């Protein structure tokens, strides 16, 4: 029996990946760094900002302080958030309401920063739909390590086999598989969808029968 649903955040609750991508492009333009869109979605989605920035600086021989530029990028991203330029995923609000009525527990388990997640949830008025929110600050090991999903299950009081994970990135899918959880994948550009129980385009296509 499914007791809990664990959601990634970026690309799963809100369609934020285009904003993340845009914020990196705008921030790094003065340094002459560009990121191919395919590379972004295949390599960087589900990866922390510091790791992305560090990789790009090493590749381009940039000697700037990585953390300073991470904060600059964050400021650009938050401007997009505050302008309410992020759309929630189609059908997510109705889906969350339905699973709440079914008595399912819910958590967000993301590689994003917790302050950004909570900021967006407040703007979108989605906070009340989740029992717990876990971000990159809450774990030692980021995805594809399963730590964030294992911790979420523990906090929800559910066994791994009683959890369904909703993901959209290769690293997130690998993490959920390693955690021994069933995975429903949201379709996204360039993503690799191995080990998914079901691939959906939005929440109107979610296979509700697996929740019974």
Protein backbone atom coordinates (compact mmCIF):
# COMPACT_ATOMS: atom_id res chain seq x y z
CA UNK A 1 0.00 0.00 0.00
CA UNK A 2 1.22 3.48 -0.85
CA UNK A 3 1.43 5.68 2.25
CA UNK A 4 3.49 8.59 0.97
CA UNK A 5 4.42 10.54 -2.13
CA UNK A 6 7.80 12.23 -2.33
CA UNK A 7 8.23 15.01 -4.87
CA UNK A 8 11.30 16.53 -6.43
CA UNK A 9 10.77 20.28 -6.77
CA UNK A 10 12.25 21.92 -9.85
CA UNK A 11 10.34 20.71 -12.90
CA UNK A 12 8.00 18.63 -10.73
CA UNK A 13 6.10 21.15 -8.59
CA UNK A 14 6.91 24.25 -10.64
CA UNK A 15 8.29 24.58 -14.14
CA UNK A 16 11.44 26.24 -12.85
CA UNK A 17 14.18 24.72 -14.98
CA UNK A 18 13.85 27.37 -17.74
CA UNK A 19 14.28 30.04 -15.06
CA UNK A 20 17.30 28.27 -13.55
CA UNK A 21 18.84 27.95 -17.01
CA UNK A 22 18.11 31.59 -17.85
CA UNK A 23 19.53 32.82 -14.53
CA UNK A 24 22.83 31.00 -15.16
CA UNK A 25 23.07 32.38 -18.70
CA UNK A 26 22.44 35.96 -17.51
CA UNK A 27 24.81 35.67 -14.55
CA UNK A 28 27.70 34.10 -16.46
CA UNK A 29 27.44 36.19 -19.63
CA UNK A 30 29.96 38.80 -18.35
CA UNK A 31 32.48 35.96 -17.91
CA UNK A 32 31.96 34.77 -21.48
CA UNK A 33 30.48 31.45 -20.37
CA UNK A 34 27.58 29.93 -22.29
CA UNK A 35 25.72 26.68 -21.57
CA UNK A 36 24.20 24.59 -24.31
CA UNK A 37 20.54 23.85 -23.58
CA UNK A 38 20.93 20.13 -24.17
CA UNK A 39 23.87 19.99 -21.79
CA UNK A 40 21.85 21.84 -19.15
CA UNK A 41 19.00 19.32 -19.21
CA UNK A 42 21.14 16.20 -19.50
CA UNK A 43 23.97 17.09 -17.12
CA UNK A 44 23.02 19.91 -14.79
CA UNK A 45 19.35 19.39 -13.94
CA UNK A 46 19.15 18.03 -10.41
CA UNK A 47 22.64 19.32 -9.57
CA UNK A 48 23.37 22.03 -7.00
CA UNK A 49 24.31 25.56 -8.07
CA UNK A 50 27.75 25.41 -6.45
CA UNK A 51 28.67 22.21 -8.28
CA UNK A 52 27.47 23.63 -11.62
CA UNK A 53 29.37 26.88 -11.12
CA UNK A 54 32.52 25.06 -10.00
CA UNK A 55 32.43 22.79 -13.06
CA UNK A 56 31.98 25.71 -15.47
CA UNK A 57 34.73 27.79 -13.81
CA UNK A 58 37.20 24.90 -13.99
CA UNK A 59 36.39 24.24 -17.65
CA UNK A 60 36.81 27.90 -18.59
CA UNK A 61 39.82 28.67 -16.41
CA UNK A 62 37.90 31.19 -14.29
CA UNK A 63 39.64 32.02 -11.00
CA UNK A 64 36.71 33.95 -9.44
CA UNK A 65 35.25 32.99 -6.06
CA UNK A 66 32.62 30.35 -6.79
CA UNK A 67 30.39 31.16 -3.81
CA UNK A 68 30.24 34.86 -4.77
CA UNK A 69 28.92 33.94 -8.20
CA UNK A 70 26.50 31.39 -6.75
CA UNK A 71 24.99 34.22 -4.72
CA UNK A 72 24.84 36.49 -7.79
CA UNK A 73 23.03 33.74 -9.68
CA UNK A 74 20.66 33.25 -6.77
CA UNK A 75 19.74 36.93 -6.78
CA UNK A 76 18.88 36.78 -10.49
CA UNK A 77 16.79 33.65 -9.93
CA UNK A 78 14.93 35.17 -6.98
CA UNK A 79 14.05 38.19 -9.11
CA UNK A 80 12.31 35.79 -11.48
CA UNK A 81 10.57 34.12 -8.53
CA UNK A 82 9.39 37.41 -7.05
CA UNK A 83 8.02 38.47 -10.43
CA UNK A 84 5.96 35.25 -10.32
CA UNK A 85 7.47 34.07 -13.60
CA UNK A 86 7.43 30.40 -12.61
CA UNK A 87 4.38 28.37 -13.58
CA UNK A 88 3.20 25.50 -11.42
CA UNK A 89 2.98 22.18 -13.22
CA UNK A 90 -0.33 21.54 -14.91
CA UNK A 91 -2.78 19.74 -12.62
CA UNK A 92 -0.50 19.76 -9.56
CA UNK A 93 -2.87 21.67 -7.26
CA UNK A 94 -5.84 19.40 -7.99
CA UNK A 95 -3.62 16.33 -7.65
CA UNK A 96 -2.28 17.46 -4.27
CA UNK A 97 -5.82 18.12 -3.05
CA UNK A 98 -6.94 14.65 -4.13
CA UNK A 99 -4.08 12.78 -2.47
CA UNK A 100 -4.59 14.80 0.72
CA UNK A 101 -8.22 13.66 0.77
CA UNK A 102 -6.96 10.09 0.37
CA UNK A 103 -4.86 10.53 3.51
CA UNK A 104 -1.50 10.23 1.76
CA UNK A 105 1.52 11.86 3.33
CA UNK A 106 3.67 14.15 1.21
CA UNK A 107 7.16 15.60 1.18
CA UNK A 108 9.44 17.55 -1.11
CA UNK A 109 12.93 16.07 -1.46
CA UNK A 110 15.01 18.35 -3.64
CA UNK A 111 18.55 19.33 -4.45
CA UNK A 112 17.46 22.98 -4.47
CA UNK A 113 18.12 25.39 -1.63
CA UNK A 114 15.47 25.23 1.09
CA UNK A 115 14.95 29.00 1.15
CA UNK A 116 14.18 29.08 -2.58
CA UNK A 117 11.76 26.17 -2.28
CA UNK A 118 9.88 27.76 0.62
CA UNK A 119 9.83 31.14 -1.11
CA UNK A 120 8.17 29.68 -4.18
CA UNK A 121 5.73 27.59 -2.13
CA UNK A 122 4.62 30.75 -0.30
CA UNK A 123 4.15 32.70 -3.51
CA UNK A 124 2.18 29.86 -5.08
CA UNK A 125 0.29 29.18 -1.81
CA UNK A 126 1.24 25.50 -1.89
CA UNK A 127 2.86 25.16 1.57
CA UNK A 128 -0.12 23.47 3.20
CA UNK A 129 0.02 20.50 0.82
CA UNK A 130 3.33 19.15 2.18
CA UNK A 131 4.19 17.57 5.53
CA UNK A 132 7.92 18.13 5.13
CA UNK A 133 10.28 20.01 2.81
CA UNK A 134 13.87 18.83 2.40
CA UNK A 135 16.49 20.77 0.42
CA UNK A 136 20.20 20.45 -0.23
CA UNK A 137 21.04 21.82 3.23
CA UNK A 138 19.26 18.90 4.90
CA UNK A 139 21.52 16.14 3.56
CA UNK A 140 25.22 15.41 3.26
CA UNK A 141 24.95 13.66 -0.11
CA UNK A 142 23.12 15.08 -3.11
CA UNK A 143 21.37 13.09 -5.82
CA UNK A 144 22.06 10.54 -7.32
CA UNK A 145 22.75 9.43 -3.74
CA UNK A 146 19.43 8.24 -2.23
CA UNK A 147 19.90 10.05 1.11
CA UNK A 148 17.26 12.74 0.58
CA UNK A 149 14.57 10.19 -0.35
CA UNK A 150 15.48 7.85 2.50
CA UNK A 151 15.35 10.74 4.95
CA UNK A 152 11.99 11.89 3.59
CA UNK A 153 10.51 8.40 3.99
CA UNK A 154 11.78 8.22 7.55
CA UNK A 155 10.28 11.61 8.41
CA UNK A 156 6.96 10.56 6.87
CA UNK A 157 6.95 7.31 8.84
CA UNK A 158 6.79 5.18 5.70
CA UNK A 159 8.81 2.22 4.45
CA UNK A 160 10.72 2.66 1.20
CA UNK A 161 8.34 0.27 -0.55
CA UNK A 162 5.38 2.36 0.62
CA UNK A 163 6.63 5.49 -1.16
CA UNK A 164 6.19 6.78 -4.68
CA UNK A 165 8.69 9.33 -5.97
CA UNK A 166 7.82 11.89 -8.64
CA UNK A 167 10.94 12.92 -10.55
CA UNK A 168 12.05 14.48 -13.82
CA UNK A 169 15.86 14.22 -13.83
CA UNK A 170 18.33 11.42 -14.47
CA UNK A 171 20.10 11.91 -11.13
CA UNK A 172 16.80 12.04 -9.26
CA UNK A 173 15.56 8.86 -10.91
CA UNK A 174 18.83 7.09 -10.03
CA UNK A 175 18.49 8.27 -6.42
CA UNK A 176 14.91 7.03 -6.13
CA UNK A 177 15.82 3.68 -7.68
CA UNK A 178 18.68 3.28 -5.19
CA UNK A 179 16.21 4.06 -2.41
CA UNK A 180 14.04 1.16 -3.57
CA UNK A 181 11.04 3.34 -4.38
CA UNK A 182 8.56 3.25 -7.26
CA UNK A 183 9.05 6.19 -9.63
CA UNK A 184 6.60 8.20 -11.71
CA UNK A 185 8.47 10.45 -14.13
CA UNK A 186 7.39 13.80 -15.49
CA UNK A 187 8.43 14.22 -19.10
CA UNK A 188 11.11 16.85 -19.66
CA UNK A 189 13.50 17.91 -22.46
CA UNK A 190 16.42 15.57 -23.11
CA UNK A 191 15.75 13.48 -19.99
CA UNK A 192 16.52 9.75 -19.78
CA UNK A 193 13.60 7.79 -18.40
CA UNK A 194 14.88 4.42 -17.29
CA UNK A 195 13.45 2.68 -14.24
CA UNK A 196 10.21 4.68 -14.37
CA UNK A 197 6.98 2.90 -13.52
CA UNK A 198 5.10 5.49 -15.59
CA UNK A 199 6.00 8.56 -17.66
CA UNK A 200 3.46 11.39 -17.65
CA UNK A 201 3.32 14.82 -19.28
CA UNK A 202 1.45 16.41 -16.38
CA UNK A 203 -0.60 15.48 -13.32
CA UNK A 204 -3.83 14.99 -15.25
CA UNK A 205 -2.18 11.78 -16.52
CA UNK A 206 -1.10 10.46 -13.11
CA UNK A 207 -2.03 6.76 -12.70
CA UNK A 208 -4.25 7.13 -9.62
CA UNK A 209 -4.82 3.38 -9.45
CA UNK A 210 -1.31 2.81 -8.05
CA UNK A 211 -2.24 4.79 -4.93
CA UNK A 212 -4.94 2.38 -3.81
